[in-house]
Amino acid sequence: MIKPYYETELGKLYHGDCLDIIPHLPFKSKAIITDPPFAFTGGISNGSSANTSEQFFRHWWQSVCERIAEHLEPDASGFIWCDWKTAKIISDGFEPKTQTYDFYRISQMLYHFREMPGMGRPFRSSVDMIAYLRGPKHKDPDIPATTLNHISEYWYYGKHEFHQSEKSVSMVERMLGWCSVENDMVIDPFAGSCTVAIACEKLKRRWVCIELEEYICAIAKQRIENERKQRKLF
């Protein structure tokens, strides 16, 4: 049994490599929301290079997808951040090695318009891409048919308080509403400063987060404790 770095009544934060930790988790999750380190693929953000490195990222990501698929419930769903260079690799990672209809798949792409210009030339980046993952037994959730795959919500390009790749809590709350209900288990294998855990604490979802860097785990622990104190959960 692996020991969590930190835990609350609703969730656990583990310090380590998700490839090592996921196989030892004594439960399965109903949803996944995560932001993998797709910047490792290389390329240049201003568009002068569109090549992604397949010597590492593609093969590593396939191994991660195998672990995720083994861990998730068959009717699970969720969201995975990516970009235009890695969207196909993110999707391909869940493709089975043999022909079958019983597999997890990326079925759609969401776009988060951050309402400000980022890097790039001649066109400035202004959106995040988020892949929508569905399990082999997943049924369409109760989402209104008028829901767009384009979300407009301000989120600053640049340094954030807790993590360089920090995500919006309200964005994650919205995703939790689309892929889970109260008391469902949600996993984030690339937790960073645990934005997913913060949103789960607010919406009463159970959660498990995994973070490779110990100093980030310490930041995440303090962040969760501060959130719980503000909500008087201590």
C-alpha atoms as a PDB file:
ATOM      1  CA  MET A   1       0.000   0.000   0.000  1.00  0.00           C
ATOM      2  CA  ILE A   2       1.465   3.354  -1.019  1.00  0.00           C
ATOM      3  CA  LYS A   3       1.284   6.176   1.507  1.00  0.00           C
ATOM      4  CA  PRO A   4      -0.179   9.537   0.428  1.00  0.00           C
ATOM      5  CA  TYR A   5       1.820  12.710   0.808  1.00  0.00           C
ATOM      6  CA  TYR A   6      -1.300  14.468   2.098  1.00  0.00           C
ATOM      7  CA  GLU A   7      -4.973  13.637   2.498  1.00  0.00           C
ATOM      8  CA  THR A   8      -8.341  15.074   3.470  1.00  0.00           C
ATOM      9  CA  GLU A   9     -11.699  13.438   4.087  1.00  0.00           C
ATOM     10  CA  LEU A  10     -12.353  13.577   0.339  1.00  0.00           C
ATOM     11  CA  GLY A  11      -9.023  12.917  -1.284  1.00  0.00           C
ATOM     12  CA  LYS A  12      -5.379  11.958  -1.356  1.00  0.00           C
ATOM     13  CA  LEU A  13      -2.287  13.575  -2.893  1.00  0.00           C
ATOM     14  CA  TYR A  14       0.566  11.242  -3.861  1.00  0.00           C
ATOM     15  CA  HIS A  15       4.158  12.290  -4.543  1.00  0.00           C
ATOM     16  CA  GLY A  16       5.755  10.301  -7.340  1.00  0.00           C
ATOM     17  CA  ASP A  17       5.496   9.120 -10.943  1.00  0.00           C
ATOM     18  CA  CYS A  18       1.945   8.332 -12.056  1.00  0.00           C
ATOM     19  CA  LEU A  19       3.228   5.275 -13.946  1.00  0.00           C
ATOM     20  CA  ASP A  20       4.411   3.843 -10.628  1.00  0.00           C
ATOM     21  CA  ILE A  21       1.499   4.965  -8.451  1.00  0.00           C
ATOM     22  CA  ILE A  22      -1.642   4.324 -10.527  1.00  0.00           C
ATOM     23  CA  PRO A  23      -1.271   0.498 -10.583  1.00  0.00           C
ATOM     24  CA  HIS A  24      -1.243   0.448  -6.772  1.00  0.00           C
ATOM     25  CA  LEU A  25      -4.363   2.542  -6.211  1.00  0.00           C
ATOM     26  CA  PRO A  26      -6.961   0.313  -4.491  1.00  0.00           C
ATOM     27  CA  PHE A  27      -9.936   1.783  -6.387  1.00  0.00           C
ATOM     28  CA  LYS A  28     -11.036   3.015  -9.800  1.00  0.00           C
ATOM     29  CA  SER A  29     -12.080   6.522 -10.813  1.00  0.00           C
ATOM     30  CA  LYS A  30     -15.241   7.716 -12.529  1.00  0.00           C
ATOM     31  CA  ALA A  31     -13.616  10.796 -14.078  1.00  0.00           C
ATOM     32  CA  ILE A  32     -10.256  12.243 -15.075  1.00  0.00           C
ATOM     33  CA  ILE A  33      -9.246  15.881 -15.426  1.00  0.00           C
ATOM     34  CA  THR A  34      -5.568  16.495 -16.046  1.00  0.00           C
ATOM     35  CA  ASP A  35      -2.935  18.653 -17.728  1.00  0.00           C
ATOM     36  CA  PRO A  36      -0.019  16.446 -18.893  1.00  0.00           C
ATOM     37  CA  PRO A  37       3.395  18.015 -19.643  1.00  0.00           C
ATOM     38  CA  PHE A  38       2.825  18.271 -23.389  1.00  0.00           C
ATOM     39  CA  ALA A  39       5.349  21.122 -23.651  1.00  0.00           C
ATOM     40  CA  PHE A  40       8.019  18.374 -23.526  1.00  0.00           C
ATOM     41  CA  THR A  41       7.226  17.639 -27.160  1.00  0.00           C
ATOM     42  CA  GLY A  42       9.312  20.594 -28.253  1.00  0.00           C
ATOM     43  CA  GLY A  43       8.548  22.804 -31.214  1.00  0.00           C
ATOM     44  CA  ILE A  44       8.464  26.593 -31.177  1.00  0.00           C
ATOM     45  CA  SER A  45       5.348  28.405 -30.020  1.00  0.00           C
ATOM     46  CA  ASN A  46       5.442  31.094 -32.686  1.00  0.00           C
ATOM     47  CA  GLY A  47       4.697  28.531 -35.378  1.00  0.00           C
ATOM     48  CA  SER A  48       8.097  28.282 -37.078  1.00  0.00           C
ATOM     49  CA  SER A  49       8.290  24.650 -35.966  1.00  0.00           C
ATOM     50  CA  ALA A  50       5.297  22.317 -35.820  1.00  0.00           C
ATOM     51  CA  ASN A  51       7.158  19.065 -35.208  1.00  0.00           C
ATOM     52  CA  THR A  52       6.571  17.097 -32.031  1.00  0.00           C
ATOM     53  CA  SER A  53       9.169  14.765 -30.597  1.00  0.00           C
ATOM     54  CA  GLU A  54       8.088  11.167 -31.065  1.00  0.00           C
ATOM     55  CA  GLN A  55      11.312   9.805 -29.571  1.00  0.00           C
ATOM     56  CA  PHE A  56       9.963  10.327 -26.073  1.00  0.00           C
ATOM     57  CA  PHE A  57       6.554  11.896 -25.682  1.00  0.00           C
ATOM     58  CA  ARG A  58       4.507   9.606 -27.933  1.00  0.00           C
ATOM     59  CA  HIS A  59       5.811   6.370 -26.391  1.00  0.00           C
ATOM     60  CA  TRP A  60       5.711   7.754 -22.856  1.00  0.00           C
ATOM     61  CA  TRP A  61       2.136   8.980 -23.359  1.00  0.00           C
ATOM     62  CA  GLN A  62       1.012   5.578 -24.638  1.00  0.00           C
ATOM     63  CA  SER A  63       2.327   4.016 -21.425  1.00  0.00           C
ATOM     64  CA  VAL A  64       0.436   6.626 -19.410  1.00  0.00           C
ATOM     65  CA  CYS A  65      -2.770   5.932 -21.356  1.00  0.00           C
ATOM     66  CA  GLU A  66      -2.475   2.212 -20.646  1.00  0.00           C
ATOM     67  CA  ARG A  67      -2.283   2.961 -16.912  1.00  0.00           C
ATOM     68  CA  ILE A  68      -5.207   5.402 -17.117  1.00  0.00           C
ATOM     69  CA  ALA A  69      -7.375   2.937 -19.062  1.00  0.00           C
ATOM     70  CA  GLU A  70      -6.685   0.208 -16.487  1.00  0.00           C
ATOM     71  CA  HIS A  71      -7.648   2.560 -13.660  1.00  0.00           C
ATOM     72  CA  LEU A  72     -10.809   4.236 -14.961  1.00  0.00           C
ATOM     73  CA  GLU A  73     -14.299   2.791 -14.714  1.00  0.00           C
ATOM     74  CA  PRO A  74     -15.678   1.644 -18.107  1.00  0.00           C
ATOM     75  CA  ASP A  75     -18.300   4.410 -18.037  1.00  0.00           C
ATOM     76  CA  ALA A  76     -15.803   7.119 -17.071  1.00  0.00           C
ATOM     77  CA  SER A  77     -15.171  10.347 -18.946  1.00  0.00           C
ATOM     78  CA  GLY A  78     -13.006  13.412 -18.522  1.00  0.00           C
ATOM     79  CA  PHE A  79     -10.848  16.164 -19.938  1.00  0.00           C
ATOM     80  CA  ILE A  80      -7.170  16.372 -20.921  1.00  0.00           C
ATOM     81  CA  TRP A  81      -5.382  19.613 -21.822  1.00  0.00           C
ATOM     82  CA  CYS A  82      -3.268  19.601 -24.986  1.00  0.00           C
ATOM     83  CA  ASP A  83      -2.319  21.935 -27.846  1.00  0.00           C
ATOM     84  CA  TRP A  84      -2.445  21.925 -31.632  1.00  0.00           C
ATOM     85  CA  LYS A  85       0.908  20.097 -31.866  1.00  0.00           C
ATOM     86  CA  THR A  86      -0.071  17.277 -29.498  1.00  0.00           C
ATOM     87  CA  ALA A  87      -3.830  16.800 -30.010  1.00  0.00           C
ATOM     88  CA  LYS A  88      -3.387  13.762 -32.287  1.00  0.00           C
ATOM     89  CA  ILE A  89      -0.752  12.186 -30.035  1.00  0.00           C
ATOM     90  CA  ILE A  90      -3.041  12.647 -27.027  1.00  0.00           C
ATOM     91  CA  SER A  91      -5.837  10.929 -28.960  1.00  0.00           C
ATOM     92  CA  ASP A  92      -3.647   8.161 -30.431  1.00  0.00           C
ATOM     93  CA  GLY A  93      -2.414   7.180 -26.970  1.00  0.00           C
ATOM     94  CA  PHE A  94      -5.778   5.616 -26.162  1.00  0.00           C
ATOM     95  CA  GLU A  95      -6.072   3.680 -29.430  1.00  0.00           C
ATOM     96  CA  PRO A  96      -5.918  -0.096 -28.773  1.00  0.00           C
ATOM     97  CA  LYS A  97      -3.056  -2.123 -30.225  1.00  0.00           C
ATOM     98  CA  THR A  98      -5.548  -4.623 -31.657  1.00  0.00           C
ATOM     99  CA  GLN A  99      -8.844  -3.874 -33.393  1.00  0.00           C
ATOM    100  CA  THR A 100     -11.711  -3.555 -30.910  1.00  0.00           C
ATOM    101  CA  TYR A 101     -14.688  -1.330 -30.170  1.00  0.00           C
ATOM    102  CA  ASP A 102     -14.161  -1.613 -26.424  1.00  0.00           C
ATOM    103  CA  PHE A 103     -11.710   1.212 -25.664  1.00  0.00           C
ATOM    104  CA  TYR A 104     -11.383   4.723 -24.282  1.00  0.00           C
ATOM    105  CA  ARG A 105     -11.353   7.414 -26.949  1.00  0.00           C
ATOM    106  CA  ILE A 106     -11.051  11.147 -27.470  1.00  0.00           C
ATOM    107  CA  SER A 107     -14.422  12.016 -28.992  1.00  0.00           C
ATOM    108  CA  GLN A 108     -14.382  15.827 -29.105  1.00  0.00           C
ATOM    109  CA  MET A 109     -12.229  18.884 -28.490  1.00  0.00           C
ATOM    110  CA  LEU A 110     -13.109  21.878 -26.330  1.00  0.00           C
ATOM    111  CA  TYR A 111     -11.594  25.327 -26.755  1.00  0.00           C
ATOM    112  CA  HIS A 112     -11.061  27.731 -23.864  1.00  0.00           C
ATOM    113  CA  PHE A 113     -10.847  31.325 -25.122  1.00  0.00           C
ATOM    114  CA  ARG A 114      -8.680  33.056 -22.503  1.00  0.00           C
ATOM    115  CA  GLU A 115      -9.870  36.559 -23.482  1.00  0.00           C
ATOM    116  CA  MET A 116      -6.333  37.924 -23.913  1.00  0.00           C
ATOM    117  CA  PRO A 117      -3.478  37.456 -26.399  1.00  0.00           C
ATOM    118  CA  GLY A 118      -0.652  35.052 -25.666  1.00  0.00           C
ATOM    119  CA  MET A 119       2.530  34.271 -27.609  1.00  0.00           C
ATOM    120  CA  GLY A 120       2.812  33.691 -31.358  1.00  0.00           C
ATOM    121  CA  ARG A 121       3.315  35.434 -34.679  1.00  0.00           C
ATOM    122  CA  PRO A 122       1.742  36.541 -36.912  1.00  0.00           C
ATOM    123  CA  PHE A 123      -1.312  35.236 -35.027  1.00  0.00           C
ATOM    124  CA  ARG A 124      -1.339  35.484 -31.240  1.00  0.00           C
ATOM    125  CA  SER A 125      -2.447  32.445 -29.251  1.00  0.00           C
ATOM    126  CA  SER A 126      -5.649  32.990 -27.287  1.00  0.00           C
ATOM    127  CA  VAL A 127      -7.120  29.522 -26.695  1.00  0.00           C
ATOM    128  CA  ASP A 128      -6.385  26.351 -24.735  1.00  0.00           C
ATOM    129  CA  MET A 129      -7.349  23.006 -26.261  1.00  0.00           C
ATOM    130  CA  ILE A 130      -8.977  20.383 -24.038  1.00  0.00           C
ATOM    131  CA  ALA A 131      -9.629  16.845 -25.270  1.00  0.00           C
ATOM    132  CA  TYR A 132     -12.837  15.105 -24.142  1.00  0.00           C
ATOM    133  CA  LEU A 133     -12.255  11.463 -23.174  1.00  0.00           C
ATOM    134  CA  ARG A 134     -15.044   8.850 -23.030  1.00  0.00           C
ATOM    135  CA  GLY A 135     -14.963   5.267 -21.769  1.00  0.00           C
ATOM    136  CA  PRO A 136     -16.300   2.249 -23.708  1.00  0.00           C
ATOM    137  CA  LYS A 137     -19.453   2.079 -21.566  1.00  0.00           C
ATOM    138  CA  HIS A 138     -19.952   5.834 -21.240  1.00  0.00           C
ATOM    139  CA  LYS A 139     -23.397   7.302 -21.878  1.00  0.00           C
ATOM    140  CA  ASP A 140     -23.995  10.906 -22.859  1.00  0.00           C
ATOM    141  CA  PRO A 141     -24.255  13.009 -19.680  1.00  0.00           C
ATOM    142  CA  ASP A 142     -27.118  15.364 -18.948  1.00  0.00           C
ATOM    143  CA  ILE A 143     -25.621  18.338 -20.796  1.00  0.00           C
ATOM    144  CA  PRO A 144     -27.990  20.715 -22.629  1.00  0.00           C
ATOM    145  CA  ALA A 145     -27.896  20.295 -26.413  1.00  0.00           C
ATOM    146  CA  THR A 146     -27.136  24.019 -26.711  1.00  0.00           C
ATOM    147  CA  THR A 147     -23.766  23.645 -24.888  1.00  0.00           C
ATOM    148  CA  LEU A 148     -20.912  24.895 -27.092  1.00  0.00           C
ATOM    149  CA  ASN A 149     -17.414  23.445 -27.288  1.00  0.00           C
ATOM    150  CA  HIS A 150     -16.102  27.014 -27.018  1.00  0.00           C
ATOM    151  CA  ILE A 151     -15.721  28.413 -23.481  1.00  0.00           C
ATOM    152  CA  SER A 152     -14.974  32.092 -22.976  1.00  0.00           C
ATOM    153  CA  GLU A 153     -13.437  32.843 -19.581  1.00  0.00           C
ATOM    154  CA  TYR A 154     -10.562  35.160 -18.712  1.00  0.00           C
ATOM    155  CA  TRP A 155      -7.350  33.405 -17.676  1.00  0.00           C
ATOM    156  CA  TYR A 156      -4.038  35.243 -17.676  1.00  0.00           C
ATOM    157  CA  TYR A 157      -1.141  34.192 -19.937  1.00  0.00           C
ATOM    158  CA  GLY A 158       1.917  34.320 -17.722  1.00  0.00           C
ATOM    159  CA  LYS A 159       2.999  33.518 -14.178  1.00  0.00           C
ATOM    160  CA  HIS A 160       0.333  32.426 -11.712  1.00  0.00           C
ATOM    161  CA  GLU A 161       0.354  32.243  -7.936  1.00  0.00           C
ATOM    162  CA  PHE A 162       0.869  28.519  -7.423  1.00  0.00           C
ATOM    163  CA  HIS A 163       2.187  26.936 -10.652  1.00  0.00           C
ATOM    164  CA  GLN A 164       3.468  28.049 -14.051  1.00  0.00           C
ATOM    165  CA  SER A 165       0.799  25.922 -15.768  1.00  0.00           C
ATOM    166  CA  GLU A 166      -1.950  26.611 -13.231  1.00  0.00           C
ATOM    167  CA  LYS A 167      -5.509  26.194 -14.447  1.00  0.00           C
ATOM    168  CA  SER A 168      -8.711  28.040 -13.559  1.00  0.00           C
ATOM    169  CA  VAL A 169     -10.661  26.521 -10.643  1.00  0.00           C
ATOM    170  CA  SER A 170     -13.966  27.655 -12.144  1.00  0.00           C
ATOM    171  CA  MET A 171     -13.066  25.967 -15.461  1.00  0.00           C
ATOM    172  CA  VAL A 172     -12.382  22.706 -13.630  1.00  0.00           C
ATOM    173  CA  GLU A 173     -15.639  23.074 -11.689  1.00  0.00           C
ATOM    174  CA  ARG A 174     -17.475  23.338 -15.002  1.00  0.00           C
ATOM    175  CA  MET A 175     -15.776  20.162 -16.264  1.00  0.00           C
ATOM    176  CA  LEU A 176     -16.586  18.301 -13.054  1.00  0.00           C
ATOM    177  CA  GLY A 177     -20.227  19.134 -13.646  1.00  0.00           C
ATOM    178  CA  TRP A 178     -20.000  17.527 -17.084  1.00  0.00           C
ATOM    179  CA  CYS A 179     -18.193  14.309 -16.100  1.00  0.00           C
ATOM    180  CA  SER A 180     -19.105  13.550 -12.481  1.00  0.00           C
ATOM    181  CA  VAL A 181     -21.646  13.826  -9.693  1.00  0.00           C
ATOM    182  CA  GLU A 182     -21.205  14.319  -5.960  1.00  0.00           C
ATOM    183  CA  ASN A 183     -19.028  11.643  -4.304  1.00  0.00           C
ATOM    184  CA  ASP A 184     -17.613  10.335  -7.612  1.00  0.00           C
ATOM    185  CA  MET A 185     -13.870   9.598  -7.625  1.00  0.00           C
ATOM    186  CA  VAL A 186     -11.823  11.932  -9.861  1.00  0.00           C
ATOM    187  CA  ILE A 187      -8.168  11.375 -10.753  1.00  0.00           C
ATOM    188  CA  ASP A 188      -5.517  13.889 -11.850  1.00  0.00           C
ATOM    189  CA  PRO A 189      -2.223  12.079 -12.665  1.00  0.00           C
ATOM    190  CA  PHE A 190      -0.406  15.389 -13.345  1.00  0.00           C
ATOM    191  CA  ALA A 191      -1.716  17.431 -10.460  1.00  0.00           C
ATOM    192  CA  GLY A 192       0.640  20.398 -10.271  1.00  0.00           C
ATOM    193  CA  SER A 193      -0.692  22.671  -7.543  1.00  0.00           C
ATOM    194  CA  CYS A 194      -3.896  20.575  -7.288  1.00  0.00           C
ATOM    195  CA  THR A 195      -6.472  22.826  -8.941  1.00  0.00           C
ATOM    196  CA  VAL A 196      -8.538  19.678  -9.554  1.00  0.00           C
ATOM    197  CA  ALA A 197      -8.415  18.823  -5.843  1.00  0.00           C
ATOM    198  CA  ILE A 198      -9.516  22.364  -4.937  1.00  0.00           C
ATOM    199  CA  ALA A 199     -12.512  22.116  -7.278  1.00  0.00           C
ATOM    200  CA  CYS A 200     -13.371  18.637  -5.978  1.00  0.00           C
ATOM    201  CA  GLU A 201     -13.288  19.857  -2.378  1.00  0.00           C
ATOM    202  CA  LYS A 202     -15.708  22.639  -3.305  1.00  0.00           C
ATOM    203  CA  LEU A 203     -18.091  20.356  -5.219  1.00  0.00           C
ATOM    204  CA  LYS A 204     -17.838  17.352  -2.870  1.00  0.00           C
ATOM    205  CA  ARG A 205     -16.134  14.953  -5.262  1.00  0.00           C
ATOM    206  CA  ARG A 206     -13.627  12.423  -4.004  1.00  0.00           C
ATOM    207  CA  TRP A 207     -10.214  12.892  -5.584  1.00  0.00           C
ATOM    208  CA  VAL A 208      -6.759  11.439  -6.058  1.00  0.00           C
ATOM    209  CA  CYS A 209      -3.916  13.620  -7.318  1.00  0.00           C
ATOM    210  CA  ILE A 210      -0.385  12.593  -8.296  1.00  0.00           C
ATOM    211  CA  GLU A 211       2.519  15.030  -8.601  1.00  0.00           C
ATOM    212  CA  LEU A 212       6.124  14.206  -9.495  1.00  0.00           C
ATOM    213  CA  GLU A 213       7.845  17.228  -7.904  1.00  0.00           C
ATOM    214  CA  GLU A 214       7.938  17.222  -4.102  1.00  0.00           C
ATOM    215  CA  TYR A 215       8.213  21.011  -3.773  1.00  0.00           C
ATOM    216  CA  ILE A 216       5.022  21.345  -5.842  1.00  0.00           C
ATOM    217  CA  CYS A 217       3.330  18.816  -3.538  1.00  0.00           C
ATOM    218  CA  ALA A 218       4.213  21.086  -0.617  1.00  0.00           C
ATOM    219  CA  ILE A 219       2.661  24.068  -2.400  1.00  0.00           C
ATOM    220  CA  ALA A 220      -0.435  22.021  -3.234  1.00  0.00           C
ATOM    221  CA  LYS A 221      -0.818  20.830   0.354  1.00  0.00           C
ATOM    222  CA  GLN A 222      -0.729  24.377   1.671  1.00  0.00           C
ATOM    223  CA  ARG A 223      -3.120  25.549  -1.019  1.00  0.00           C
ATOM    224  CA  ILE A 224      -5.671  22.859  -0.157  1.00  0.00           C
ATOM    225  CA  GLU A 225      -5.350  23.577   3.572  1.00  0.00           C
ATOM    226  CA  ASN A 226      -5.882  27.289   2.968  1.00  0.00           C
ATOM    227  CA  GLU A 227      -8.981  26.560   0.900  1.00  0.00           C
ATOM    228  CA  ARG A 228     -10.370  24.286   3.583  1.00  0.00           C
ATOM    229  CA  LYS A 229      -9.720  26.890   6.303  1.00  0.00           C
ATOM    230  CA  GLN A 230     -11.546  29.539   4.283  1.00  0.00           C
ATOM    231  CA  ARG A 231     -14.501  27.190   3.975  1.00  0.00           C
ATOM    232  CA  LYS A 232     -14.176  26.243   7.669  1.00  0.00           C
ATOM    233  CA  LEU A 233     -13.678  22.548   6.953  1.00  0.00           C
ATOM    234  CA  PHE A 234     -11.000  22.191   9.666  1.00  0.00           C
END
